[in-house]
Amino acid sequence: MDMTTILFYILAIAIVVFSLGVVMTANPIFSALFLALTMVTLAFVYFLLNAPFIAGVQLIVYAGAVVVLFVMVMMLFDLKQEKEAFTKGKFTGFLKIASAGWLCGLIAGAIYMSTEMVVSGNQILDVNKASTKILAKELFSNYVFAFEALGILLLLIAVGAVSISRIKGGTHAK
């Protein structure tokens, strides 16, 4: 085994541990910090896979902007009252078990599909041809509407979060 393979396995184990920290931590701020660690570690995996553009986007968009947005939204809510909303009823227990089963099915399907691709030898994207210039041309020519719609959606989310926190009787009402 070469050093890249060993580093990949170390990063993969770290991603699994950090993602378990996201789900199992009771404090939402610590959960957001574990999420940030997961995203940064995933960016390092992208660097190992010779995808520096995706790694940079992962760091800037997900580890930076999205986690900061999560922390800002958590600061708007009264987390002591929100904890009471998570009941231990039969319906929510069923939803939790069904969601866990669905997630396990997705993971099993992804593992099956990845082994099928490796065995059959299909190559989805040639690494030598993938560059930032080609990606930018594709994004700003064929997918420009979706790109702009996503920007407007993110702006509306931020404006909505601020406006909800500013109204009388909003999230901090007693």
Protein backbone atom coordinates (compact mmCIF):
# COMPACT_ATOMS: atom_id res chain seq x y z
CA MET A 1 0.00 0.00 0.00
CA ASP A 2 1.28 3.41 -0.87
CA MET A 3 0.99 6.54 1.29
CA THR A 4 -2.02 7.92 -0.62
CA THR A 5 -4.07 4.81 0.06
CA ILE A 6 -3.21 4.88 3.76
CA LEU A 7 -4.09 8.58 3.96
CA PHE A 8 -7.37 7.91 2.15
CA TYR A 9 -8.37 5.26 4.68
CA ILE A 10 -7.42 7.52 7.60
CA LEU A 11 -9.52 10.34 6.14
CA ALA A 12 -12.42 7.95 5.46
CA ILE A 13 -12.41 6.78 9.08
CA ALA A 14 -12.27 10.42 10.24
CA ILE A 15 -15.26 11.29 8.03
CA VAL A 16 -17.29 8.43 9.51
CA VAL A 17 -16.37 9.43 13.09
CA PHE A 18 -17.15 13.11 12.50
CA SER A 19 -20.45 12.31 10.77
CA LEU A 20 -21.45 10.11 13.71
CA GLY A 21 -20.62 13.08 15.93
CA VAL A 22 -23.03 15.20 13.89
CA VAL A 23 -25.89 12.79 14.49
CA MET A 24 -25.15 11.68 18.05
CA THR A 25 -24.22 14.97 19.72
CA ALA A 26 -27.05 16.52 21.73
CA ASN A 27 -25.70 20.07 21.53
CA PRO A 28 -26.55 21.59 18.12
CA ILE A 29 -23.52 23.88 18.12
CA PHE A 30 -21.18 20.91 18.58
CA SER A 31 -23.15 19.11 15.89
CA ALA A 32 -22.51 22.01 13.49
CA LEU A 33 -18.80 21.94 14.39
CA PHE A 34 -18.68 18.20 13.67
CA LEU A 35 -20.39 18.95 10.36
CA ALA A 36 -17.68 21.49 9.54
CA LEU A 37 -14.97 18.93 10.37
CA THR A 38 -16.71 16.39 8.15
CA MET A 39 -16.81 18.85 5.23
CA VAL A 40 -13.15 19.85 5.65
CA THR A 41 -12.05 16.21 5.79
CA LEU A 42 -14.10 15.47 2.69
CA ALA A 43 -12.32 18.33 0.92
CA PHE A 44 -9.00 16.66 1.71
CA VAL A 45 -10.32 13.45 0.16
CA TYR A 46 -11.15 15.42 -3.00
CA PHE A 47 -7.58 16.74 -3.06
CA LEU A 48 -6.32 13.15 -2.84
CA LEU A 49 -8.53 12.24 -5.79
CA ASN A 50 -6.94 15.01 -7.92
CA ALA A 51 -10.06 17.19 -7.92
CA PRO A 52 -8.81 20.53 -6.59
CA PHE A 53 -11.75 22.55 -7.90
CA ILE A 54 -14.31 20.35 -6.14
CA ALA A 55 -12.16 20.44 -2.99
CA GLY A 56 -12.08 24.23 -3.08
CA VAL A 57 -15.82 24.46 -3.63
CA GLN A 58 -16.33 21.99 -0.78
CA LEU A 59 -14.28 24.20 1.56
CA ILE A 60 -15.77 27.52 0.48
CA VAL A 61 -19.42 26.62 0.02
CA TYR A 62 -20.10 23.78 2.44
CA ALA A 63 -17.50 24.08 5.19
CA GLY A 64 -17.71 27.86 5.11
CA ALA A 65 -21.06 29.24 4.07
CA VAL A 66 -23.47 26.42 4.88
CA VAL A 67 -22.10 25.67 8.34
CA VAL A 68 -22.07 29.38 9.20
CA LEU A 69 -25.67 29.58 8.02
CA PHE A 70 -26.60 26.61 10.24
CA VAL A 71 -24.98 28.26 13.26
CA MET A 72 -26.74 31.57 12.54
CA VAL A 73 -30.13 29.84 12.28
CA MET A 74 -29.49 27.94 15.52
CA MET A 75 -28.72 31.22 17.24
CA LEU A 76 -32.12 32.57 16.15
CA PHE A 77 -34.09 29.80 17.87
CA ASP A 78 -34.61 29.19 21.56
CA LEU A 79 -32.99 25.77 21.74
CA LYS A 80 -34.31 24.96 25.23
CA GLN A 81 -37.89 25.01 23.99
CA GLU A 82 -36.99 23.25 20.74
CA LYS A 83 -35.70 20.24 22.66
CA GLU A 84 -39.21 19.60 23.98
CA ALA A 85 -40.49 19.31 20.40
CA PHE A 86 -38.65 16.02 19.90
CA THR A 87 -41.04 13.59 21.55
CA LYS A 88 -40.55 9.91 22.16
CA GLY A 89 -43.86 8.83 20.70
CA LYS A 90 -44.58 5.77 18.59
CA PHE A 91 -44.97 7.70 15.35
CA THR A 92 -41.67 9.57 15.67
CA GLY A 93 -39.96 6.32 16.69
CA PHE A 94 -41.31 4.67 13.54
CA LEU A 95 -40.09 7.61 11.44
CA LYS A 96 -36.62 7.34 12.95
CA ILE A 97 -36.41 3.59 12.27
CA ALA A 98 -37.79 4.00 8.74
CA SER A 99 -35.29 6.78 8.01
CA ALA A 100 -32.41 4.65 9.30
CA GLY A 101 -33.53 1.75 7.12
CA TRP A 102 -33.84 4.02 4.10
CA LEU A 103 -30.34 5.41 4.72
CA CYS A 104 -28.89 1.90 5.04
CA GLY A 105 -30.57 0.98 1.76
CA LEU A 106 -29.05 4.01 0.05
CA ILE A 107 -25.60 3.15 1.37
CA ALA A 108 -25.96 -0.49 0.25
CA GLY A 109 -27.12 0.66 -3.19
CA ALA A 110 -24.19 3.06 -3.51
CA ILE A 111 -21.73 0.32 -2.55
CA TYR A 112 -23.33 -2.05 -5.05
CA MET A 113 -23.24 0.55 -7.84
CA SER A 114 -19.61 1.44 -7.12
CA THR A 115 -18.53 -2.20 -7.24
CA GLU A 116 -20.45 -2.63 -10.50
CA MET A 117 -18.58 0.31 -12.02
CA VAL A 118 -15.22 -0.99 -10.86
CA VAL A 119 -15.88 -4.50 -12.12
CA SER A 120 -17.24 -3.42 -15.49
CA GLY A 121 -14.48 -0.85 -15.96
CA ASN A 122 -16.76 2.02 -17.00
CA GLN A 123 -15.02 5.35 -16.69
CA ILE A 124 -17.48 8.15 -16.08
CA LEU A 125 -15.15 11.13 -16.48
CA ASP A 126 -11.61 11.31 -17.77
CA VAL A 127 -9.57 13.09 -15.09
CA ASN A 128 -7.15 14.57 -17.63
CA LYS A 129 -9.96 16.28 -19.56
CA ALA A 130 -11.76 17.68 -16.51
CA SER A 131 -10.65 21.21 -15.83
CA THR A 132 -12.06 24.32 -14.26
CA LYS A 133 -12.40 26.01 -17.65
CA ILE A 134 -14.55 23.20 -19.09
CA LEU A 135 -16.64 23.08 -15.92
CA ALA A 136 -17.18 26.86 -15.98
CA LYS A 137 -18.20 26.82 -19.64
CA GLU A 138 -20.70 24.05 -18.93
CA LEU A 139 -22.06 25.75 -15.82
CA PHE A 140 -22.49 29.20 -17.34
CA SER A 141 -23.84 28.04 -20.69
CA ASN A 142 -26.09 25.02 -20.16
CA TYR A 143 -26.94 25.40 -16.47
CA VAL A 144 -27.00 29.17 -15.99
CA PHE A 145 -30.72 29.28 -15.10
CA ALA A 146 -30.33 26.66 -12.36
CA PHE A 147 -27.25 28.46 -11.04
CA GLU A 148 -29.09 31.79 -10.82
CA ALA A 149 -32.22 30.18 -9.36
CA LEU A 150 -30.12 28.62 -6.60
CA GLY A 151 -28.60 32.02 -5.81
CA ILE A 152 -32.04 33.62 -5.53
CA LEU A 153 -33.27 30.74 -3.36
CA LEU A 154 -30.35 31.15 -0.94
CA LEU A 155 -31.01 34.89 -0.77
CA LEU A 156 -34.68 34.28 0.01
CA ILE A 157 -33.75 31.84 2.78
CA ALA A 158 -31.47 34.40 4.41
CA VAL A 159 -34.07 37.19 4.15
CA GLY A 160 -36.77 34.88 5.54
CA ALA A 161 -34.65 33.84 8.52
CA VAL A 162 -33.89 37.45 9.39
CA SER A 163 -37.51 38.57 8.96
CA ILE A 164 -38.84 35.73 11.16
CA SER A 165 -36.41 36.65 13.91
CA ARG A 166 -37.42 40.33 13.77
CA ILE A 167 -41.21 40.01 14.10
CA LYS A 168 -42.92 40.44 17.44
CA GLY A 169 -43.67 37.06 18.94
CA GLY A 170 -41.02 35.41 16.78
CA THR A 171 -38.55 32.79 17.85
CA HIS A 172 -37.60 34.46 21.15
CA ALA A 173 -41.14 35.18 22.37
CA LYS A 174 -41.89 34.10 25.95
